Amino acid sequence: MEIVLENTKSKHLEIFSLLDLDNFHETFKRFSSIKEPLEAKIFAVNESISSHQLSKLKNHFDKINICSLCIYSNIRETIVSGKSLKIDSAFVKEQKIKNKLLIFNSKKKDDIFHKGTVRSGERISSNGNLCIIGDINPGAIVSAKKNIYVWGKLLGIAFAGTSGNKNASISSLYLNPLQLRIADVIAIGPKDKPKNCYPEIAVIDKQTIIIKPHIIENKN
């Protein structure tokens, strides 16, 4: 099952796979602080989803700011389950569903460069590296499949290596986040403010996120 969360106002686009319908609480946790309304589209190819499973999924959608929800599937049982819960559901042939997903994926750039403050409730996601020139305020969420670079204060939530890349890193001029996540490793931000006057980088070391000075070696 592929889920697309889209906000046309901010051009935000998030695409993720939901493989385990009985264990998706953590997946939706990171969307709870988004204040702008999102459109959710569920693409279920060759998947029979019961009304009970969809009801649990819908309950999680109800906890985030969803203005519309629809299902596209080539399995009639899934469509019936959706309609029983009054979810906008459309029967679409397999290839057409795959074509729709290709269109959404083509909208997402690999590396993203953002200039300006990322405010509370805003979210920026990248299919590659994410570079931000500005501050990330508390309540803001940034994520990237590769590395995150913040030329400013990182005070919100940052998630690098979203595709499971444990070699990803998060670096910032002022690293004081609410939460850091790299691949499947999560760390809560420190209570004390940083006393250092140099950039820092967060990486995984022995299945733990550690923060150290970000030193750029001069190879000349």
N, C-alpha and C. Protein backbone atom coordinates (compact mmCIF):
# COMPACT_ATOMS: atom_id res chain seq x y z
N MET A 1 0.84 -1.20 0.00
CA MET A 1 0.00 0.00 0.00
C MET A 1 0.88 1.24 0.00
N GLU A 2 0.60 2.13 -0.93
CA GLU A 2 1.32 3.41 -0.99
C GLU A 2 0.37 4.52 -0.56
N ILE A 3 0.86 5.41 0.29
CA ILE A 3 0.04 6.54 0.76
C ILE A 3 0.71 7.84 0.35
N VAL A 4 -0.07 8.73 -0.24
CA VAL A 4 0.42 10.04 -0.66
C VAL A 4 -0.25 11.10 0.19
N LEU A 5 0.54 11.91 0.86
CA LEU A 5 0.03 13.07 1.61
C LEU A 5 0.49 14.32 0.87
N GLU A 6 -0.45 15.15 0.49
CA GLU A 6 -0.12 16.31 -0.34
C GLU A 6 -0.81 17.56 0.18
N ASN A 7 -0.07 18.67 0.15
CA ASN A 7 -0.63 19.97 0.47
C ASN A 7 -0.37 20.90 -0.70
N THR A 8 -1.42 21.26 -1.41
CA THR A 8 -1.25 22.04 -2.63
C THR A 8 -0.79 23.46 -2.35
N LYS A 9 -1.08 23.97 -1.17
CA LYS A 9 -0.70 25.35 -0.85
C LYS A 9 0.82 25.48 -0.70
N SER A 10 1.43 24.55 0.05
CA SER A 10 2.87 24.63 0.29
C SER A 10 3.66 23.73 -0.64
N LYS A 11 2.94 23.04 -1.53
CA LYS A 11 3.57 22.11 -2.49
C LYS A 11 4.26 20.96 -1.77
N HIS A 12 3.85 20.71 -0.52
CA HIS A 12 4.44 19.59 0.21
C HIS A 12 3.92 18.27 -0.36
N LEU A 13 4.82 17.33 -0.50
CA LEU A 13 4.44 16.03 -1.02
C LEU A 13 5.20 14.95 -0.27
N GLU A 14 4.45 14.02 0.31
CA GLU A 14 5.05 12.92 1.05
C GLU A 14 4.49 11.61 0.51
N ILE A 15 5.35 10.69 0.14
CA ILE A 15 4.94 9.38 -0.35
C ILE A 15 5.63 8.32 0.50
N PHE A 16 4.84 7.42 1.08
CA PHE A 16 5.46 6.36 1.87
C PHE A 16 4.66 5.07 1.75
N SER A 17 5.36 3.97 2.00
CA SER A 17 4.74 2.65 1.93
C SER A 17 4.31 2.22 3.32
N LEU A 18 3.14 1.60 3.39
CA LEU A 18 2.65 1.07 4.65
C LEU A 18 2.53 -0.44 4.48
N LEU A 19 3.53 -1.15 4.98
CA LEU A 19 3.59 -2.60 4.77
C LEU A 19 2.85 -3.37 5.85
N ASP A 20 2.80 -2.83 7.04
CA ASP A 20 2.18 -3.51 8.17
C ASP A 20 1.00 -2.70 8.68
N LEU A 21 -0.20 -3.13 8.34
CA LEU A 21 -1.39 -2.38 8.72
C LEU A 21 -1.69 -2.44 10.21
N ASP A 22 -1.07 -3.38 10.90
CA ASP A 22 -1.32 -3.52 12.33
C ASP A 22 -0.29 -2.79 13.18
N ASN A 23 0.67 -2.15 12.54
CA ASN A 23 1.72 -1.48 13.31
C ASN A 23 2.18 -0.21 12.59
N PHE A 24 1.28 0.78 12.52
CA PHE A 24 1.62 1.99 11.80
C PHE A 24 1.51 3.24 12.67
N HIS A 25 1.43 3.04 14.00
CA HIS A 25 1.29 4.19 14.89
C HIS A 25 2.47 5.14 14.77
N GLU A 26 3.69 4.60 14.75
CA GLU A 26 4.90 5.43 14.68
C GLU A 26 4.97 6.19 13.36
N THR A 27 4.44 5.57 12.29
CA THR A 27 4.48 6.20 10.98
C THR A 27 3.71 7.52 10.99
N PHE A 28 2.57 7.54 11.66
CA PHE A 28 1.73 8.74 11.65
C PHE A 28 2.11 9.75 12.71
N LYS A 29 2.92 9.34 13.67
CA LYS A 29 3.31 10.26 14.75
C LYS A 29 3.97 11.51 14.20
N ARG A 30 4.81 11.32 13.16
CA ARG A 30 5.58 12.45 12.66
C ARG A 30 4.75 13.43 11.83
N PHE A 31 3.48 13.08 11.53
CA PHE A 31 2.63 14.00 10.78
C PHE A 31 1.69 14.79 11.69
N SER A 32 1.68 14.49 12.99
CA SER A 32 0.68 15.06 13.89
C SER A 32 0.84 16.57 14.10
N SER A 33 2.05 17.10 13.87
CA SER A 33 2.28 18.53 14.13
C SER A 33 2.05 19.40 12.88
N ILE A 34 1.69 18.79 11.76
CA ILE A 34 1.44 19.57 10.55
C ILE A 34 0.08 20.26 10.67
N LYS A 35 0.08 21.58 10.64
CA LYS A 35 -1.16 22.33 10.83
C LYS A 35 -1.91 22.57 9.52
N GLU A 36 -1.20 22.64 8.42
CA GLU A 36 -1.87 22.88 7.15
C GLU A 36 -2.64 21.64 6.72
N PRO A 37 -3.82 21.83 6.09
CA PRO A 37 -4.63 20.67 5.67
C PRO A 37 -3.94 19.84 4.59
N LEU A 38 -4.06 18.53 4.72
CA LEU A 38 -3.43 17.60 3.79
C LEU A 38 -4.49 16.77 3.08
N GLU A 39 -4.22 16.45 1.83
CA GLU A 39 -5.04 15.52 1.08
C GLU A 39 -4.36 14.15 1.12
N ALA A 40 -5.09 13.12 1.49
CA ALA A 40 -4.52 11.78 1.59
C ALA A 40 -5.10 10.88 0.50
N LYS A 41 -4.21 10.19 -0.18
CA LYS A 41 -4.62 9.23 -1.21
C LYS A 41 -3.98 7.89 -0.92
N ILE A 42 -4.79 6.84 -0.89
CA ILE A 42 -4.31 5.48 -0.64
C ILE A 42 -4.34 4.70 -1.95
N PHE A 43 -3.20 4.15 -2.33
CA PHE A 43 -3.11 3.35 -3.55
C PHE A 43 -2.85 1.90 -3.14
N ALA A 44 -3.84 1.04 -3.36
CA ALA A 44 -3.72 -0.36 -2.96
C ALA A 44 -3.81 -1.23 -4.21
N VAL A 45 -2.65 -1.73 -4.64
CA VAL A 45 -2.59 -2.57 -5.83
C VAL A 45 -2.58 -4.04 -5.42
N ASN A 46 -3.57 -4.78 -5.89
CA ASN A 46 -3.66 -6.23 -5.61
C ASN A 46 -3.67 -6.52 -4.11
N GLU A 47 -4.29 -5.61 -3.33
CA GLU A 47 -4.37 -5.79 -1.89
C GLU A 47 -5.83 -5.79 -1.44
N SER A 48 -6.22 -6.84 -0.74
CA SER A 48 -7.56 -6.90 -0.18
C SER A 48 -7.50 -6.38 1.26
N ILE A 49 -8.10 -5.22 1.50
CA ILE A 49 -8.04 -4.58 2.82
C ILE A 49 -9.43 -4.61 3.44
N SER A 50 -9.52 -5.14 4.64
CA SER A 50 -10.81 -5.27 5.32
C SER A 50 -11.28 -3.92 5.87
N SER A 51 -12.57 -3.84 6.15
CA SER A 51 -13.12 -2.61 6.73
C SER A 51 -12.53 -2.36 8.12
N HIS A 52 -12.20 -3.44 8.85
CA HIS A 52 -11.59 -3.30 10.17
C HIS A 52 -10.21 -2.65 10.06
N GLN A 53 -9.42 -3.11 9.10
CA GLN A 53 -8.09 -2.53 8.90
C GLN A 53 -8.19 -1.08 8.46
N LEU A 54 -9.10 -0.79 7.53
CA LEU A 54 -9.27 0.58 7.06
C LEU A 54 -9.79 1.49 8.17
N SER A 55 -10.62 0.94 9.05
CA SER A 55 -11.13 1.74 10.16
C SER A 55 -10.00 2.17 11.08
N LYS A 56 -9.06 1.25 11.36
CA LYS A 56 -7.90 1.60 12.19
C LYS A 56 -7.05 2.65 11.50
N LEU A 57 -6.88 2.50 10.19
CA LEU A 57 -6.10 3.48 9.42
C LEU A 57 -6.78 4.84 9.43
N LYS A 58 -8.09 4.84 9.24
CA LYS A 58 -8.85 6.10 9.22
C LYS A 58 -8.78 6.81 10.57
N ASN A 59 -8.76 6.06 11.66
CA ASN A 59 -8.64 6.67 12.98
C ASN A 59 -7.34 7.45 13.12
N HIS A 60 -6.27 6.94 12.52
CA HIS A 60 -4.99 7.65 12.56
C HIS A 60 -5.03 8.88 11.66
N PHE A 61 -5.70 8.78 10.52
CA PHE A 61 -5.85 9.94 9.65
C PHE A 61 -6.65 11.04 10.36
N ASP A 62 -7.64 10.64 11.16
CA ASP A 62 -8.47 11.61 11.87
C ASP A 62 -7.67 12.41 12.90
N LYS A 63 -6.52 11.88 13.31
CA LYS A 63 -5.69 12.56 14.31
C LYS A 63 -4.75 13.59 13.69
N ILE A 64 -4.62 13.56 12.37
CA ILE A 64 -3.82 14.58 11.69
C ILE A 64 -4.75 15.42 10.82
N ASN A 65 -4.23 16.50 10.28
CA ASN A 65 -5.08 17.48 9.61
C ASN A 65 -5.37 17.07 8.15
N ILE A 66 -6.29 16.11 7.99
CA ILE A 66 -6.66 15.61 6.67
C ILE A 66 -7.97 16.27 6.23
N CYS A 67 -7.95 16.92 5.07
CA CYS A 67 -9.18 17.55 4.56
C CYS A 67 -9.92 16.63 3.59
N SER A 68 -9.22 15.67 2.99
CA SER A 68 -9.88 14.71 2.11
C SER A 68 -9.11 13.40 2.10
N LEU A 69 -9.84 12.30 1.94
CA LEU A 69 -9.26 10.97 1.93
C LEU A 69 -9.92 10.14 0.85
N CYS A 70 -9.11 9.49 0.01
CA CYS A 70 -9.69 8.65 -1.03
C CYS A 70 -8.81 7.42 -1.25
N ILE A 71 -9.43 6.38 -1.78
CA ILE A 71 -8.75 5.11 -2.02
C ILE A 71 -8.85 4.76 -3.50
N TYR A 72 -7.73 4.32 -4.05
CA TYR A 72 -7.69 3.79 -5.42
C TYR A 72 -7.22 2.34 -5.33
N SER A 73 -8.02 1.42 -5.84
CA SER A 73 -7.66 0.01 -5.77
C SER A 73 -8.23 -0.76 -6.95
N ASN A 74 -7.56 -1.85 -7.30
CA ASN A 74 -8.07 -2.74 -8.34
C ASN A 74 -8.71 -4.00 -7.76
N ILE A 75 -8.91 -3.99 -6.42
CA ILE A 75 -9.57 -5.10 -5.73
C ILE A 75 -10.91 -4.63 -5.20
N ARG A 76 -11.98 -5.29 -5.62
CA ARG A 76 -13.33 -4.83 -5.27
C ARG A 76 -13.60 -4.91 -3.77
N GLU A 77 -13.03 -5.91 -3.09
CA GLU A 77 -13.23 -6.02 -1.64
C GLU A 77 -12.72 -4.78 -0.91
N THR A 78 -11.59 -4.24 -1.37
CA THR A 78 -11.03 -3.03 -0.76
C THR A 78 -11.94 -1.83 -1.00
N ILE A 79 -12.49 -1.75 -2.21
CA ILE A 79 -13.41 -0.65 -2.54
C ILE A 79 -14.67 -0.73 -1.67
N VAL A 80 -15.20 -1.94 -1.51
CA VAL A 80 -16.39 -2.13 -0.67
C VAL A 80 -16.10 -1.74 0.78
N SER A 81 -14.92 -2.13 1.27
CA SER A 81 -14.52 -1.77 2.64
C SER A 81 -14.46 -0.26 2.81
N GLY A 82 -13.89 0.42 1.81
CA GLY A 82 -13.79 1.87 1.87
C GLY A 82 -15.15 2.55 1.86
N LYS A 83 -16.02 2.10 0.98
CA LYS A 83 -17.35 2.72 0.89
C LYS A 83 -18.19 2.46 2.13
N SER A 84 -17.96 1.31 2.78
CA SER A 84 -18.69 1.01 4.01
C SER A 84 -18.35 1.99 5.12
N LEU A 85 -17.15 2.59 5.01
CA LEU A 85 -16.71 3.58 6.00
C LEU A 85 -16.89 5.01 5.48
N LYS A 86 -17.61 5.14 4.37
CA LYS A 86 -17.90 6.43 3.74
C LYS A 86 -16.61 7.15 3.30
N ILE A 87 -15.64 6.34 2.87
CA ILE A 87 -14.40 6.88 2.30
C ILE A 87 -14.56 6.90 0.78
N ASP A 88 -14.21 8.00 0.17
CA ASP A 88 -14.27 8.11 -1.29
C ASP A 88 -13.38 7.03 -1.91
N SER A 89 -13.96 6.05 -2.59
CA SER A 89 -13.21 4.89 -3.09
C SER A 89 -13.50 4.67 -4.57
N ALA A 90 -12.44 4.44 -5.34
CA ALA A 90 -12.59 4.28 -6.79
C ALA A 90 -11.88 3.02 -7.26
N PHE A 91 -12.59 2.23 -8.07
CA PHE A 91 -11.99 1.04 -8.67
C PHE A 91 -11.21 1.47 -9.91
N VAL A 92 -9.91 1.19 -9.90
CA VAL A 92 -9.02 1.59 -10.99
C VAL A 92 -8.17 0.39 -11.38
N LYS A 93 -7.95 0.21 -12.66
CA LYS A 93 -7.13 -0.90 -13.13
C LYS A 93 -5.69 -0.75 -12.63
N GLU A 94 -5.03 -1.90 -12.46
CA GLU A 94 -3.69 -1.94 -11.87
C GLU A 94 -2.71 -0.98 -12.54
N GLN A 95 -2.65 -0.99 -13.86
CA GLN A 95 -1.68 -0.16 -14.55
C GLN A 95 -1.96 1.32 -14.36
N LYS A 96 -3.23 1.69 -14.29
CA LYS A 96 -3.59 3.10 -14.10
C LYS A 96 -3.17 3.58 -12.71
N ILE A 97 -3.28 2.69 -11.72
CA ILE A 97 -2.84 3.05 -10.36
C ILE A 97 -1.34 3.29 -10.36
N LYS A 98 -0.60 2.40 -11.01
CA LYS A 98 0.86 2.53 -11.08
C LYS A 98 1.25 3.80 -11.83
N ASN A 99 0.48 4.16 -12.85
CA ASN A 99 0.75 5.40 -13.59
C ASN A 99 0.54 6.62 -12.71
N LYS A 100 -0.52 6.59 -11.88
CA LYS A 100 -0.78 7.71 -10.96
C LYS A 100 0.37 7.88 -9.98
N LEU A 101 0.88 6.74 -9.46
CA LEU A 101 2.01 6.81 -8.52
C LEU A 101 3.26 7.35 -9.18
N LEU A 102 3.47 6.98 -10.44
CA LEU A 102 4.62 7.50 -11.18
C LEU A 102 4.56 9.01 -11.31
N ILE A 103 3.36 9.54 -11.52
CA ILE A 103 3.18 10.99 -11.65
C ILE A 103 3.56 11.69 -10.34
N PHE A 104 3.08 11.14 -9.21
CA PHE A 104 3.41 11.73 -7.92
C PHE A 104 4.91 11.66 -7.64
N ASN A 105 5.51 10.51 -7.92
CA ASN A 105 6.94 10.35 -7.67
C ASN A 105 7.78 11.28 -8.54
N SER A 106 7.29 11.57 -9.74
CA SER A 106 8.04 12.45 -10.64
C SER A 106 8.05 13.89 -10.14
N LYS A 107 7.09 14.24 -9.27
CA LYS A 107 7.04 15.59 -8.72
C LYS A 107 8.12 15.82 -7.67
N LYS A 108 8.58 14.73 -7.08
CA LYS A 108 9.56 14.86 -6.01
C LYS A 108 10.97 14.93 -6.56
N LYS A 109 11.66 15.98 -6.22
CA LYS A 109 13.06 16.12 -6.62
C LYS A 109 13.93 15.31 -5.67
N ASP A 110 15.15 15.02 -6.11
CA ASP A 110 16.05 14.28 -5.24
C ASP A 110 16.59 15.19 -4.14
N ASP A 111 17.56 16.04 -4.46
CA ASP A 111 18.10 16.97 -3.48
C ASP A 111 17.26 18.25 -3.45
N ILE A 112 17.02 18.76 -2.24
CA ILE A 112 16.21 19.97 -2.09
C ILE A 112 17.02 21.03 -1.34
N PHE A 113 16.99 22.25 -1.86
CA PHE A 113 17.62 23.40 -1.22
C PHE A 113 16.51 24.36 -0.81
N HIS A 114 16.45 24.70 0.48
CA HIS A 114 15.40 25.59 0.99
C HIS A 114 16.04 26.77 1.69
N LYS A 115 15.62 27.95 1.33
CA LYS A 115 16.14 29.16 1.96
C LYS A 115 15.03 29.84 2.74
N GLY A 116 15.24 30.01 4.04
CA GLY A 116 14.23 30.65 4.88
C GLY A 116 13.90 29.79 6.09
N THR A 117 13.21 30.38 7.06
CA THR A 117 12.83 29.70 8.29
C THR A 117 11.76 28.65 8.01
N VAL A 118 11.92 27.48 8.62
CA VAL A 118 10.89 26.45 8.58
C VAL A 118 10.10 26.59 9.88
N ARG A 119 8.87 27.07 9.76
CA ARG A 119 8.10 27.43 10.95
C ARG A 119 7.34 26.24 11.54
N SER A 120 6.85 26.43 12.75
CA SER A 120 6.09 25.38 13.44
C SER A 120 4.91 24.93 12.59
N GLY A 121 4.76 23.62 12.45
CA GLY A 121 3.66 23.08 11.65
C GLY A 121 4.04 22.82 10.20
N GLU A 122 5.17 23.39 9.75
CA GLU A 122 5.62 23.16 8.38
C GLU A 122 6.46 21.90 8.30
N ARG A 123 6.51 21.34 7.10
CA ARG A 123 7.28 20.11 6.89
C ARG A 123 7.95 20.18 5.52
N ILE A 124 9.22 19.78 5.48
CA ILE A 124 9.95 19.69 4.22
C ILE A 124 10.56 18.30 4.12
N SER A 125 10.34 17.65 2.98
CA SER A 125 10.84 16.30 2.79
C SER A 125 11.62 16.21 1.48
N SER A 126 12.68 15.42 1.48
CA SER A 126 13.53 15.28 0.30
C SER A 126 13.78 13.82 -0.03
N ASN A 127 13.82 13.51 -1.32
CA ASN A 127 14.16 12.16 -1.77
C ASN A 127 15.66 11.94 -1.79
N GLY A 128 16.43 12.99 -1.57
CA GLY A 128 17.89 12.89 -1.53
C GLY A 128 18.41 13.60 -0.31
N ASN A 129 19.34 14.56 -0.52
CA ASN A 129 19.83 15.41 0.56
C ASN A 129 18.90 16.60 0.75
N LEU A 130 18.90 17.15 1.95
CA LEU A 130 18.11 18.35 2.24
C LEU A 130 19.03 19.39 2.86
N CYS A 131 19.12 20.55 2.21
CA CYS A 131 19.95 21.64 2.70
C CYS A 131 19.06 22.84 3.00
N ILE A 132 19.13 23.34 4.23
CA ILE A 132 18.29 24.45 4.65
C ILE A 132 19.16 25.60 5.11
N ILE A 133 18.97 26.77 4.49
CA ILE A 133 19.64 27.99 4.92
C ILE A 133 18.62 28.77 5.74
N GLY A 134 18.67 28.60 7.04
CA GLY A 134 17.69 29.22 7.92
C GLY A 134 17.46 28.34 9.13
N ASP A 135 16.59 28.77 10.02
CA ASP A 135 16.30 28.03 11.24
C ASP A 135 15.13 27.07 11.04
N ILE A 136 15.15 26.01 11.84
CA ILE A 136 14.02 25.06 11.90
C ILE A 136 13.41 25.21 13.28
N ASN A 137 12.25 25.83 13.36
CA ASN A 137 11.62 26.15 14.63
C ASN A 137 11.04 24.90 15.30
N PRO A 138 10.81 24.96 16.62
CA PRO A 138 10.13 23.86 17.31
C PRO A 138 8.76 23.63 16.67
N GLY A 139 8.39 22.37 16.47
CA GLY A 139 7.11 22.06 15.82
C GLY A 139 7.23 21.84 14.33
N ALA A 140 8.38 22.18 13.76
CA ALA A 140 8.63 21.94 12.33
C ALA A 140 9.30 20.57 12.18
N ILE A 141 9.06 19.92 11.03
CA ILE A 141 9.62 18.60 10.78
C ILE A 141 10.32 18.62 9.42
N VAL A 142 11.57 18.16 9.40
CA VAL A 142 12.29 18.04 8.13
C VAL A 142 12.78 16.60 8.01
N SER A 143 12.78 16.08 6.78
CA SER A 143 13.21 14.70 6.58
C SER A 143 13.88 14.55 5.23
N ALA A 144 14.74 13.54 5.11
CA ALA A 144 15.45 13.30 3.87
C ALA A 144 15.88 11.84 3.81
N LYS A 145 15.90 11.29 2.60
CA LYS A 145 16.39 9.92 2.43
C LYS A 145 17.89 9.84 2.68
N LYS A 146 18.59 10.95 2.43
CA LYS A 146 20.04 10.97 2.64
C LYS A 146 20.36 11.86 3.84
N ASN A 147 21.16 12.91 3.64
CA ASN A 147 21.64 13.75 4.74
C ASN A 147 20.85 15.05 4.86
N ILE A 148 20.89 15.62 6.06
CA ILE A 148 20.26 16.92 6.32
C ILE A 148 21.34 17.90 6.77
N TYR A 149 21.37 19.07 6.11
CA TYR A 149 22.33 20.12 6.45
C TYR A 149 21.54 21.38 6.79
N VAL A 150 21.77 21.92 7.98
CA VAL A 150 21.04 23.12 8.42
C VAL A 150 22.04 24.24 8.69
N TRP A 151 22.00 25.28 7.86
CA TRP A 151 22.85 26.45 8.06
C TRP A 151 22.06 27.43 8.91
N GLY A 152 21.88 27.05 10.17
CA GLY A 152 21.08 27.84 11.09
C GLY A 152 20.80 27.00 12.33
N LYS A 153 19.73 27.31 13.05
CA LYS A 153 19.38 26.60 14.27
C LYS A 153 18.41 25.46 13.97
N LEU A 154 18.74 24.27 14.47
CA LEU A 154 17.85 23.12 14.35
C LEU A 154 17.17 22.92 15.70
N LEU A 155 15.91 23.37 15.80
CA LEU A 155 15.17 23.32 17.06
C LEU A 155 13.97 22.39 16.98
N GLY A 156 13.64 21.93 15.78
CA GLY A 156 12.48 21.06 15.60
C GLY A 156 12.86 19.60 15.54
N ILE A 157 12.20 18.86 14.64
CA ILE A 157 12.42 17.43 14.47
C ILE A 157 13.09 17.18 13.13
N ALA A 158 14.14 16.37 13.12
CA ALA A 158 14.86 16.05 11.89
C ALA A 158 14.98 14.54 11.76
N PHE A 159 14.67 14.03 10.56
CA PHE A 159 14.69 12.60 10.28
C PHE A 159 15.49 12.37 9.00
N ALA A 160 16.71 11.86 9.15
CA ALA A 160 17.56 11.56 7.99
C ALA A 160 17.59 10.05 7.76
N GLY A 161 17.90 9.65 6.54
CA GLY A 161 17.94 8.23 6.23
C GLY A 161 16.57 7.58 6.30
N THR A 162 15.55 8.27 5.77
CA THR A 162 14.18 7.76 5.88
C THR A 162 13.98 6.44 5.16
N SER A 163 14.85 6.12 4.21
CA SER A 163 14.74 4.86 3.49
C SER A 163 15.51 3.74 4.19
N GLY A 164 16.06 4.03 5.37
CA GLY A 164 16.79 3.03 6.13
C GLY A 164 18.30 3.16 6.05
N ASN A 165 18.78 4.27 5.49
CA ASN A 165 20.22 4.51 5.33
C ASN A 165 20.85 4.91 6.67
N LYS A 166 21.56 3.97 7.30
CA LYS A 166 22.17 4.24 8.61
C LYS A 166 23.45 5.05 8.51
N ASN A 167 23.92 5.30 7.30
CA ASN A 167 25.10 6.14 7.11
C ASN A 167 24.73 7.62 6.93
N ALA A 168 23.43 7.92 6.97
CA ALA A 168 22.98 9.30 6.83
C ALA A 168 23.38 10.10 8.08
N SER A 169 23.37 11.43 7.94
CA SER A 169 23.76 12.29 9.06
C SER A 169 22.90 13.54 9.09
N ILE A 170 22.93 14.22 10.24
CA ILE A 170 22.21 15.49 10.42
C ILE A 170 23.21 16.48 11.00
N SER A 171 23.44 17.58 10.30
CA SER A 171 24.41 18.56 10.79
C SER A 171 23.77 19.95 10.85
N SER A 172 24.24 20.76 11.77
CA SER A 172 23.66 22.09 11.97
C SER A 172 24.67 23.00 12.65
N LEU A 173 24.51 24.32 12.42
CA LEU A 173 25.34 25.30 13.11
C LEU A 173 24.99 25.36 14.60
N TYR A 174 23.71 25.05 14.91
CA TYR A 174 23.23 25.09 16.30
C TYR A 174 22.27 23.93 16.46
N LEU A 175 22.74 22.86 17.08
CA LEU A 175 22.00 21.61 17.13
C LEU A 175 21.32 21.45 18.49
N ASN A 176 20.04 21.80 18.56
CA ASN A 176 19.27 21.68 19.79
C ASN A 176 17.85 21.21 19.45
N PRO A 177 17.72 20.03 18.86
CA PRO A 177 16.43 19.58 18.33
C PRO A 177 15.49 19.02 19.40
N LEU A 178 14.21 18.94 19.05
CA LEU A 178 13.26 18.23 19.90
C LEU A 178 13.49 16.73 19.77
N GLN A 179 13.79 16.31 18.53
CA GLN A 179 14.03 14.89 18.29
C GLN A 179 14.88 14.72 17.04
N LEU A 180 15.78 13.74 17.09
CA LEU A 180 16.56 13.36 15.93
C LEU A 180 16.24 11.90 15.61
N ARG A 181 16.21 11.61 14.31
CA ARG A 181 16.05 10.22 13.90
C ARG A 181 16.91 9.97 12.67
N ILE A 182 17.66 8.89 12.71
CA ILE A 182 18.44 8.44 11.56
C ILE A 182 18.09 6.98 11.32
N ALA A 183 17.52 6.68 10.16
CA ALA A 183 17.02 5.33 9.86
C ALA A 183 16.02 4.93 10.95
N ASP A 184 16.29 3.84 11.68
CA ASP A 184 15.35 3.40 12.71
C ASP A 184 15.81 3.75 14.13
N VAL A 185 16.82 4.62 14.23
CA VAL A 185 17.36 5.01 15.54
C VAL A 185 16.84 6.40 15.91
N ILE A 186 16.29 6.53 17.10
CA ILE A 186 15.67 7.79 17.54
C ILE A 186 16.38 8.31 18.79
N ALA A 187 16.55 9.63 18.85
CA ALA A 187 17.15 10.26 20.04
C ALA A 187 16.38 11.52 20.37
N ILE A 188 16.14 11.73 21.64
CA ILE A 188 15.49 12.96 22.12
C ILE A 188 16.55 14.03 22.29
N GLY A 189 16.19 15.26 21.95
CA GLY A 189 17.14 16.36 22.04
C GLY A 189 17.57 16.64 23.47
N PRO A 190 18.75 17.22 23.67
CA PRO A 190 19.25 17.52 25.02
C PRO A 190 18.42 18.61 25.69
N LYS A 191 18.36 18.54 27.03
CA LYS A 191 17.62 19.55 27.78
C LYS A 191 18.38 20.88 27.82
N ASP A 192 19.69 20.78 27.88
CA ASP A 192 20.52 21.99 27.96
C ASP A 192 20.82 22.52 26.57
N LYS A 193 20.94 23.83 26.48
CA LYS A 193 21.29 24.45 25.20
C LYS A 193 22.76 24.19 24.89
N PRO A 194 23.09 24.09 23.60
CA PRO A 194 24.50 23.87 23.23
C PRO A 194 25.36 25.04 23.69
N LYS A 195 26.54 24.72 24.24
CA LYS A 195 27.47 25.76 24.66
C LYS A 195 28.60 25.95 23.65
N ASN A 196 28.55 25.11 22.59
CA ASN A 196 29.61 25.15 21.60
C ASN A 196 29.37 26.26 20.57
N CYS A 197 30.44 26.74 19.99
CA CYS A 197 30.35 27.78 18.97
C CYS A 197 30.78 27.24 17.61
N TYR A 198 30.59 25.97 17.40
CA TYR A 198 30.98 25.37 16.13
C TYR A 198 29.88 24.41 15.65
N PRO A 199 29.85 24.12 14.37
CA PRO A 199 28.84 23.20 13.83
C PRO A 199 28.99 21.80 14.43
N GLU A 200 27.86 21.10 14.54
CA GLU A 200 27.88 19.73 15.04
C GLU A 200 27.16 18.81 14.06
N ILE A 201 27.47 17.52 14.17
CA ILE A 201 26.87 16.54 13.29
C ILE A 201 26.40 15.35 14.12
N ALA A 202 25.23 14.84 13.76
CA ALA A 202 24.67 13.66 14.43
C ALA A 202 24.78 12.46 13.49
N VAL A 203 25.34 11.38 14.00
CA VAL A 203 25.52 10.15 13.22
C VAL A 203 25.18 8.96 14.11
N ILE A 204 25.05 7.79 13.47
CA ILE A 204 24.83 6.56 14.22
C ILE A 204 26.18 5.92 14.53
N ASP A 205 26.36 5.56 15.80
CA ASP A 205 27.57 4.86 16.23
C ASP A 205 27.13 3.75 17.20
N LYS A 206 27.30 2.50 16.78
CA LYS A 206 26.90 1.35 17.59
C LYS A 206 25.42 1.42 17.98
N GLN A 207 24.59 1.67 16.96
CA GLN A 207 23.13 1.68 17.11
C GLN A 207 22.64 2.78 18.05
N THR A 208 23.45 3.83 18.22
CA THR A 208 23.07 4.99 19.03
C THR A 208 23.42 6.25 18.26
N ILE A 209 22.57 7.25 18.38
CA ILE A 209 22.87 8.53 17.74
C ILE A 209 23.79 9.34 18.65
N ILE A 210 24.92 9.72 18.11
CA ILE A 210 25.86 10.56 18.86
C ILE A 210 26.03 11.90 18.14
N ILE A 211 26.40 12.91 18.90
CA ILE A 211 26.63 14.25 18.34
C ILE A 211 28.09 14.62 18.58
N LYS A 212 28.74 15.08 17.53
CA LYS A 212 30.15 15.44 17.64
C LYS A 212 30.43 16.68 16.80
N PRO A 213 31.58 17.33 17.00
CA PRO A 213 31.92 18.50 16.18
C PRO A 213 31.98 18.12 14.71
N HIS A 214 31.45 19.00 13.88
CA HIS A 214 31.47 18.77 12.44
C HIS A 214 32.71 19.43 11.86
N ILE A 215 33.74 18.65 11.70
CA ILE A 215 35.03 19.18 11.22
C ILE A 215 35.20 18.82 9.76
N ILE A 216 35.38 19.81 8.93
CA ILE A 216 35.61 19.59 7.50
C ILE A 216 37.10 19.59 7.26
N GLU A 217 37.59 18.46 6.80
CA GLU A 217 39.02 18.33 6.59
C GLU A 217 39.46 19.05 5.32
N ASN A 218 40.58 19.73 5.43
CA ASN A 218 41.18 20.41 4.27
C ASN A 218 42.15 19.44 3.61
N LYS A 219 41.80 19.00 2.41
CA LYS A 219 42.62 18.01 1.72
C LYS A 219 43.71 18.63 0.85
N ASN A 220 43.79 19.94 0.83
CA ASN A 220 44.83 20.60 0.03
C ASN A 220 46.19 20.49 0.70
